[in-house]
Amino acid sequence: MSCFVYVIGTDDGKGRRTYVGWTNNLEKRVERHNAGTGAKSTRGRQWKLIYAERYQTRGEAMSREWHLKRDRSFRRILAPAPG
């Protein structure tokens, strides 16, 4: 079963935000974030998928997610600040 690591982004007028997660169904997971039933920190905003990687195992995906969550410079490249 394939697993995905993804980065979603939003610009809600208060600034740009990103969120990193992993899933085995990328489309449904983004839908859940936008429906308000995803992670607590993503509720109340509309999100767009801005980056994804595919992995063969859940462990690989979770490891990559852990690294991406700590790599703020990478996330800034994906969703640069306005101006």
C-alpha atoms as a PDB file:
ATOM      1  CA  MET A   1       0.000   0.000   0.000  1.00  0.00           C
ATOM      2  CA  SER A   2       1.366   3.417  -0.933  1.00  0.00           C
ATOM      3  CA  CYS A   3       1.539   6.192   1.616  1.00  0.00           C
ATOM      4  CA  PHE A   4       1.981   9.880   0.999  1.00  0.00           C
ATOM      5  CA  VAL A   5       3.653  12.719   2.831  1.00  0.00           C
ATOM      6  CA  TYR A   6       2.001  16.000   1.949  1.00  0.00           C
ATOM      7  CA  VAL A   7       2.212  19.708   2.558  1.00  0.00           C
ATOM      8  CA  ILE A   8      -0.922  21.809   2.396  1.00  0.00           C
ATOM      9  CA  GLY A   9      -0.980  25.578   2.476  1.00  0.00           C
ATOM     10  CA  THR A  10      -3.389  28.424   3.097  1.00  0.00           C
ATOM     11  CA  ASP A  11      -3.381  32.213   3.123  1.00  0.00           C
ATOM     12  CA  ASP A  12      -6.204  33.299   5.399  1.00  0.00           C
ATOM     13  CA  GLY A  13      -5.369  37.004   5.476  1.00  0.00           C
ATOM     14  CA  LYS A  14      -3.384  36.597   8.693  1.00  0.00           C
ATOM     15  CA  GLY A  15      -0.423  35.177   6.827  1.00  0.00           C
ATOM     16  CA  ARG A  16       0.535  32.054   5.005  1.00  0.00           C
ATOM     17  CA  ARG A  17       0.516  28.762   6.845  1.00  0.00           C
ATOM     18  CA  THR A  18       1.585  25.256   5.977  1.00  0.00           C
ATOM     19  CA  TYR A  19       0.757  21.883   7.473  1.00  0.00           C
ATOM     20  CA  VAL A  20       2.669  18.622   6.971  1.00  0.00           C
ATOM     21  CA  GLY A  21       1.044  15.211   7.324  1.00  0.00           C
ATOM     22  CA  TRP A  22       0.949  11.671   5.979  1.00  0.00           C
ATOM     23  CA  THR A  23      -1.890   9.525   4.660  1.00  0.00           C
ATOM     24  CA  ASN A  24      -2.690   6.554   2.448  1.00  0.00           C
ATOM     25  CA  ASN A  25      -5.442   8.469   0.585  1.00  0.00           C
ATOM     26  CA  LEU A  26      -4.255  11.931  -0.366  1.00  0.00           C
ATOM     27  CA  GLU A  27      -7.461  13.283  -1.934  1.00  0.00           C
ATOM     28  CA  LYS A  28      -9.698  12.238   0.955  1.00  0.00           C
ATOM     29  CA  ARG A  29      -7.257  13.617   3.517  1.00  0.00           C
ATOM     30  CA  VAL A  30      -7.193  17.080   1.938  1.00  0.00           C
ATOM     31  CA  GLU A  31     -11.005  16.970   1.748  1.00  0.00           C
ATOM     32  CA  ARG A  32     -11.139  16.180   5.480  1.00  0.00           C
ATOM     33  CA  HIS A  33      -8.871  19.119   6.296  1.00  0.00           C
ATOM     34  CA  ASN A  34     -11.140  21.440   4.299  1.00  0.00           C
ATOM     35  CA  ALA A  35     -14.284  19.972   5.890  1.00  0.00           C
ATOM     36  CA  GLY A  36     -12.949  20.740   9.367  1.00  0.00           C
ATOM     37  CA  THR A  37     -12.539  17.095  10.345  1.00  0.00           C
ATOM     38  CA  GLY A  38      -8.774  16.911   9.800  1.00  0.00           C
ATOM     39  CA  ALA A  39      -6.132  17.928  12.300  1.00  0.00           C
ATOM     40  CA  LYS A  40      -7.260  20.406  14.940  1.00  0.00           C
ATOM     41  CA  SER A  41      -4.738  23.045  13.800  1.00  0.00           C
ATOM     42  CA  THR A  42      -6.158  23.041  10.249  1.00  0.00           C
ATOM     43  CA  ARG A  43      -9.799  23.675  11.133  1.00  0.00           C
ATOM     44  CA  GLY A  44     -11.561  26.796   9.924  1.00  0.00           C
ATOM     45  CA  ARG A  45      -9.352  27.351   6.866  1.00  0.00           C
ATOM     46  CA  GLN A  46      -9.374  26.320   3.220  1.00  0.00           C
ATOM     47  CA  TRP A  47      -6.259  24.367   2.256  1.00  0.00           C
ATOM     48  CA  LYS A  48      -4.592  23.568  -1.046  1.00  0.00           C
ATOM     49  CA  LEU A  49      -2.204  20.718  -1.687  1.00  0.00           C
ATOM     50  CA  ILE A  50       1.181  22.268  -2.492  1.00  0.00           C
ATOM     51  CA  TYR A  51       3.530  19.270  -2.277  1.00  0.00           C
ATOM     52  CA  ALA A  52       3.395  15.474  -2.004  1.00  0.00           C
ATOM     53  CA  GLU A  53       5.776  12.505  -2.009  1.00  0.00           C
ATOM     54  CA  ARG A  54       4.877   8.804  -2.347  1.00  0.00           C
ATOM     55  CA  TYR A  55       6.407   6.063  -0.159  1.00  0.00           C
ATOM     56  CA  GLN A  56       6.031   2.294  -0.141  1.00  0.00           C
ATOM     57  CA  THR A  57       5.579   1.907   3.606  1.00  0.00           C
ATOM     58  CA  ARG A  58       3.910   3.754   6.426  1.00  0.00           C
ATOM     59  CA  GLY A  59       7.186   3.886   8.358  1.00  0.00           C
ATOM     60  CA  GLU A  60       9.006   5.627   5.514  1.00  0.00           C
ATOM     61  CA  ALA A  61       6.213   8.174   5.177  1.00  0.00           C
ATOM     62  CA  MET A  62       6.099   8.864   8.908  1.00  0.00           C
ATOM     63  CA  SER A  63       9.868   9.326   9.038  1.00  0.00           C
ATOM     64  CA  ARG A  64       9.806  11.781   6.131  1.00  0.00           C
ATOM     65  CA  GLU A  65       6.875  13.652   7.729  1.00  0.00           C
ATOM     66  CA  TRP A  66       8.917  14.054  10.928  1.00  0.00           C
ATOM     67  CA  HIS A  67      11.806  15.568   8.962  1.00  0.00           C
ATOM     68  CA  LEU A  68       9.619  17.898   6.877  1.00  0.00           C
ATOM     69  CA  LYS A  69       7.853  19.221   9.975  1.00  0.00           C
ATOM     70  CA  ARG A  70      11.214  20.398  11.249  1.00  0.00           C
ATOM     71  CA  ASP A  71      12.430  21.846   7.913  1.00  0.00           C
ATOM     72  CA  ARG A  72      10.905  25.321   7.980  1.00  0.00           C
ATOM     73  CA  SER A  73      13.154  26.603   5.202  1.00  0.00           C
ATOM     74  CA  PHE A  74      11.711  23.989   2.818  1.00  0.00           C
ATOM     75  CA  ARG A  75       8.167  24.967   3.785  1.00  0.00           C
ATOM     76  CA  ARG A  76       8.979  28.678   3.224  1.00  0.00           C
ATOM     77  CA  ILE A  77      10.142  27.841  -0.297  1.00  0.00           C
ATOM     78  CA  LEU A  78       6.809  26.128  -0.989  1.00  0.00           C
ATOM     79  CA  ALA A  79       4.707  28.981   0.422  1.00  0.00           C
ATOM     80  CA  PRO A  80       6.775  32.190   0.338  1.00  0.00           C
ATOM     81  CA  ALA A  81       5.578  35.236   2.241  1.00  0.00           C
ATOM     82  CA  PRO A  82       3.771  37.863   0.145  1.00  0.00           C
ATOM     83  CA  GLY A  83       5.719  40.838  -1.076  1.00  0.00           C
END
